[in-house]
C-alpha atoms as a PDB file:
ATOM      1  CA  MET A   1     -38.446 172.496 -24.103  1.00  0.00           C
ATOM      2  CA  ALA A   2     -36.424 169.483 -25.169  1.00  0.00           C
ATOM      3  CA  ILE A   3     -37.963 166.069 -24.740  1.00  0.00           C
ATOM      4  CA  LYS A   4     -35.806 163.696 -22.726  1.00  0.00           C
ATOM      5  CA  ALA A   5     -36.049 159.935 -22.539  1.00  0.00           C
ATOM      6  CA  THR A   6     -34.358 156.944 -21.032  1.00  0.00           C
ATOM      7  CA  VAL A   7     -33.715 153.940 -23.248  1.00  0.00           C
ATOM      8  CA  TYR A   8     -33.256 150.636 -21.443  1.00  0.00           C
ATOM      9  CA  SER A   9     -31.345 148.390 -23.807  1.00  0.00           C
ATOM     10  CA  SER A  10     -28.674 145.766 -24.294  1.00  0.00           C
ATOM     11  CA  PRO A  11     -25.631 145.949 -26.557  1.00  0.00           C
ATOM     12  CA  ILE A  12     -26.701 143.051 -28.804  1.00  0.00           C
ATOM     13  CA  CYS A  13     -30.258 144.244 -29.431  1.00  0.00           C
ATOM     14  CA  PRO A  14     -30.965 145.490 -32.982  1.00  0.00           C
ATOM     15  CA  GLN A  15     -34.350 146.924 -31.983  1.00  0.00           C
ATOM     16  CA  CYS A  16     -32.583 148.940 -29.294  1.00  0.00           C
ATOM     17  CA  GLN A  17     -30.377 150.520 -31.943  1.00  0.00           C
ATOM     18  CA  ARG A  18     -33.441 151.336 -34.042  1.00  0.00           C
ATOM     19  CA  ALA A  19     -35.185 152.926 -31.066  1.00  0.00           C
ATOM     20  CA  LYS A  20     -32.161 155.102 -30.280  1.00  0.00           C
ATOM     21  CA  GLN A  21     -31.783 156.117 -33.929  1.00  0.00           C
ATOM     22  CA  PHE A  22     -35.459 157.011 -34.102  1.00  0.00           C
ATOM     23  CA  LEU A  23     -35.324 159.127 -30.941  1.00  0.00           C
ATOM     24  CA  ALA A  24     -32.211 160.924 -32.182  1.00  0.00           C
ATOM     25  CA  SER A  25     -33.903 161.623 -35.535  1.00  0.00           C
ATOM     26  CA  GLN A  26     -36.786 163.229 -33.625  1.00  0.00           C
ATOM     27  CA  GLY A  27     -34.444 165.451 -31.627  1.00  0.00           C
ATOM     28  CA  VAL A  28     -35.086 163.554 -28.392  1.00  0.00           C
ATOM     29  CA  GLU A  29     -32.213 163.530 -25.939  1.00  0.00           C
ATOM     30  CA  TYR A  30     -31.872 160.235 -24.113  1.00  0.00           C
ATOM     31  CA  ASP A  31     -29.876 158.461 -21.472  1.00  0.00           C
ATOM     32  CA  GLU A  32     -29.084 154.829 -22.100  1.00  0.00           C
ATOM     33  CA  VAL A  33     -29.191 152.136 -19.434  1.00  0.00           C
ATOM     34  CA  ASP A  34     -27.638 148.745 -20.229  1.00  0.00           C
ATOM     35  CA  VAL A  35     -30.070 146.269 -18.697  1.00  0.00           C
ATOM     36  CA  SER A  36     -27.659 143.376 -19.230  1.00  0.00           C
ATOM     37  CA  ALA A  37     -25.205 145.024 -16.829  1.00  0.00           C
ATOM     38  CA  ASP A  38     -27.719 145.578 -14.026  1.00  0.00           C
ATOM     39  CA  PRO A  39     -30.121 142.799 -12.959  1.00  0.00           C
ATOM     40  CA  GLU A  40     -31.928 145.166 -10.564  1.00  0.00           C
ATOM     41  CA  VAL A  41     -32.903 147.430 -13.464  1.00  0.00           C
ATOM     42  CA  ALA A  42     -34.110 144.397 -15.416  1.00  0.00           C
ATOM     43  CA  ARG A  43     -36.322 143.393 -12.458  1.00  0.00           C
ATOM     44  CA  MET A  44     -37.692 146.926 -12.116  1.00  0.00           C
ATOM     45  CA  LEU A  45     -38.605 147.013 -15.812  1.00  0.00           C
ATOM     46  CA  LYS A  46     -40.400 143.683 -15.577  1.00  0.00           C
ATOM     47  CA  GLU A  47     -42.412 145.007 -12.634  1.00  0.00           C
ATOM     48  CA  LYS A  48     -43.269 148.251 -14.472  1.00  0.00           C
ATOM     49  CA  THR A  49     -44.069 146.757 -17.885  1.00  0.00           C
ATOM     50  CA  GLY A  50     -45.052 143.163 -17.162  1.00  0.00           C
ATOM     51  CA  VAL A  51     -42.653 141.916 -19.838  1.00  0.00           C
ATOM     52  CA  LYS A  52     -39.002 141.016 -19.991  1.00  0.00           C
ATOM     53  CA  LEU A  53     -37.661 142.553 -23.173  1.00  0.00           C
ATOM     54  CA  VAL A  54     -35.687 145.475 -24.508  1.00  0.00           C
ATOM     55  CA  PRO A  55     -35.800 148.158 -25.608  1.00  0.00           C
ATOM     56  CA  VAL A  56     -37.982 149.967 -23.149  1.00  0.00           C
ATOM     57  CA  VAL A  57     -38.345 153.687 -23.726  1.00  0.00           C
ATOM     58  CA  GLU A  58     -39.296 155.835 -20.761  1.00  0.00           C
ATOM     59  CA  LEU A  59     -40.890 159.186 -21.569  1.00  0.00           C
ATOM     60  CA  GLN A  60     -42.285 161.427 -18.836  1.00  0.00           C
ATOM     61  CA  GLY A  61     -42.464 158.557 -16.359  1.00  0.00           C
ATOM     62  CA  GLU A  62     -44.308 156.210 -18.713  1.00  0.00           C
ATOM     63  CA  PHE A  63     -42.687 152.999 -19.972  1.00  0.00           C
ATOM     64  CA  TYR A  64     -43.072 151.804 -23.579  1.00  0.00           C
ATOM     65  CA  PRO A  65     -41.707 148.272 -24.125  1.00  0.00           C
ATOM     66  CA  GLY A  66     -40.472 147.223 -27.537  1.00  0.00           C
ATOM     67  CA  PHE A  67     -39.731 149.519 -30.443  1.00  0.00           C
ATOM     68  CA  ILE A  68     -43.101 150.341 -31.942  1.00  0.00           C
ATOM     69  CA  ARG A  69     -42.378 153.379 -34.084  1.00  0.00           C
ATOM     70  CA  SER A  70     -46.022 154.385 -34.542  1.00  0.00           C
ATOM     71  CA  LYS A  71     -46.609 154.315 -30.776  1.00  0.00           C
ATOM     72  CA  LEU A  72     -43.548 156.445 -30.061  1.00  0.00           C
ATOM     73  CA  GLU A  73     -44.513 158.892 -32.830  1.00  0.00           C
ATOM     74  CA  LYS A  74     -47.948 159.292 -31.234  1.00  0.00           C
ATOM     75  CA  VAL A  75     -46.545 159.752 -27.725  1.00  0.00           C
ATOM     76  CA  LEU A  76     -43.979 162.297 -28.897  1.00  0.00           C
ATOM     77  CA  ALA A  77     -46.654 164.242 -30.787  1.00  0.00           C
ATOM     78  CA  GLU A  78     -48.829 164.311 -27.654  1.00  0.00           C
ATOM     79  CA  ILE A  79     -45.907 165.522 -25.532  1.00  0.00           C
ATOM     80  CA  GLN A  80     -45.068 168.240 -28.061  1.00  0.00           C
ATOM     81  CA  ALA A  81     -48.709 169.327 -28.271  1.00  0.00           C
ATOM     82  CA  GLY A  82     -48.830 169.582 -24.489  1.00  0.00           C
ATOM     83  CA  ASP A  83     -45.713 171.786 -24.466  1.00  0.00           C
ATOM     84  CA  GLY A  84     -47.437 174.301 -26.707  1.00  0.00           C
ATOM     85  CA  GLN A  85     -50.357 174.872 -24.364  1.00  0.00           C
END
Protein backbone atom coordinates (compact mmCIF):
# COMPACT_ATOMS: atom_id res chain seq x y z
CA MET A 1 0.00 0.00 0.00
CA ALA A 2 1.37 3.39 -0.98
CA ILE A 3 1.95 5.92 1.75
CA LYS A 4 0.19 9.22 1.12
CA ALA A 5 0.87 12.56 2.75
CA THR A 6 -0.19 16.15 2.65
CA VAL A 7 2.51 18.82 2.65
CA TYR A 8 1.42 22.25 3.85
CA SER A 9 3.89 24.71 2.40
CA SER A 10 4.52 28.09 0.82
CA PRO A 11 6.18 28.82 -2.51
CA ILE A 12 9.14 30.70 -1.01
CA CYS A 13 10.04 28.11 1.63
CA PRO A 14 13.30 26.20 1.00
CA GLN A 15 12.56 23.69 3.76
CA CYS A 16 9.25 22.95 2.06
CA GLN A 17 11.11 22.02 -1.12
CA ARG A 18 13.43 19.76 0.87
CA ALA A 19 10.49 18.04 2.55
CA LYS A 20 8.78 17.39 -0.79
CA GLN A 21 12.01 16.11 -2.33
CA PHE A 22 12.56 13.81 0.62
CA LEU A 23 9.03 12.39 0.46
CA ALA A 24 9.34 11.83 -3.29
CA SER A 25 12.68 10.05 -2.79
CA GLN A 26 10.94 7.71 -0.33
CA GLY A 27 8.16 6.92 -2.79
CA VAL A 28 5.57 8.84 -0.78
CA GLU A 29 2.76 10.35 -2.80
CA TYR A 30 1.67 13.73 -1.49
CA ASP A 31 -0.80 16.51 -2.05
CA GLU A 32 0.48 20.03 -1.59
CA VAL A 33 -1.48 22.80 0.10
CA ASP A 34 -0.22 26.38 -0.26
CA VAL A 35 -0.77 27.87 3.19
CA SER A 36 0.00 31.37 1.94
CA ALA A 37 -3.05 31.20 -0.33
CA ASP A 38 -5.48 30.09 2.39
CA PRO A 39 -5.52 31.80 5.81
CA GLU A 40 -8.07 29.27 7.13
CA VAL A 41 -5.62 26.42 6.53
CA ALA A 42 -2.88 28.41 8.27
CA ARG A 43 -5.16 28.85 11.31
CA MET A 44 -6.05 25.15 11.34
CA LEU A 45 -2.37 24.19 11.29
CA LYS A 46 -1.58 26.52 14.17
CA GLU A 47 -4.39 24.93 16.18
CA LYS A 48 -3.20 21.39 15.36
CA THR A 49 0.54 21.95 15.84
CA GLY A 50 0.78 24.91 18.20
CA VAL A 51 3.26 26.62 15.87
CA LYS A 52 3.03 28.87 12.86
CA LEU A 53 5.55 27.57 10.36
CA VAL A 54 5.88 25.52 7.21
CA PRO A 55 6.37 22.89 6.09
CA VAL A 56 3.95 20.73 7.97
CA VAL A 57 3.75 17.13 6.82
CA GLU A 58 0.57 15.22 7.58
CA LEU A 59 0.86 11.44 7.62
CA GLN A 60 -2.04 9.24 8.69
CA GLY A 61 -3.77 12.11 10.46
CA GLU A 62 -0.70 13.17 12.44
CA PHE A 63 0.96 16.55 11.85
CA TYR A 64 4.76 16.97 11.80
CA PRO A 65 5.85 20.64 11.72
CA GLY A 66 9.17 21.60 10.21
CA PHE A 67 11.35 19.40 8.04
CA ILE A 68 13.14 17.10 10.44
CA ARG A 69 14.42 14.33 8.19
CA SER A 70 15.21 11.90 11.01
CA LYS A 71 11.69 12.26 12.43
CA LEU A 72 10.06 11.66 9.06
CA GLU A 73 12.34 8.66 8.41
CA LYS A 74 11.25 7.16 11.73
CA VAL A 75 7.55 7.79 11.10
CA LEU A 76 7.72 6.35 7.60
CA ALA A 77 9.53 3.25 8.87
CA GLU A 78 6.84 2.76 11.53
CA ILE A 79 4.08 3.13 8.94
CA GLN A 80 5.78 0.65 6.62
CA ALA A 81 6.32 -1.82 9.46
CA GLY A 82 2.64 -1.56 10.35
CA ASP A 83 1.64 -2.31 6.74
CA GLY A 84 3.52 -5.60 6.87
CA GLN A 85 1.60 -6.95 9.84
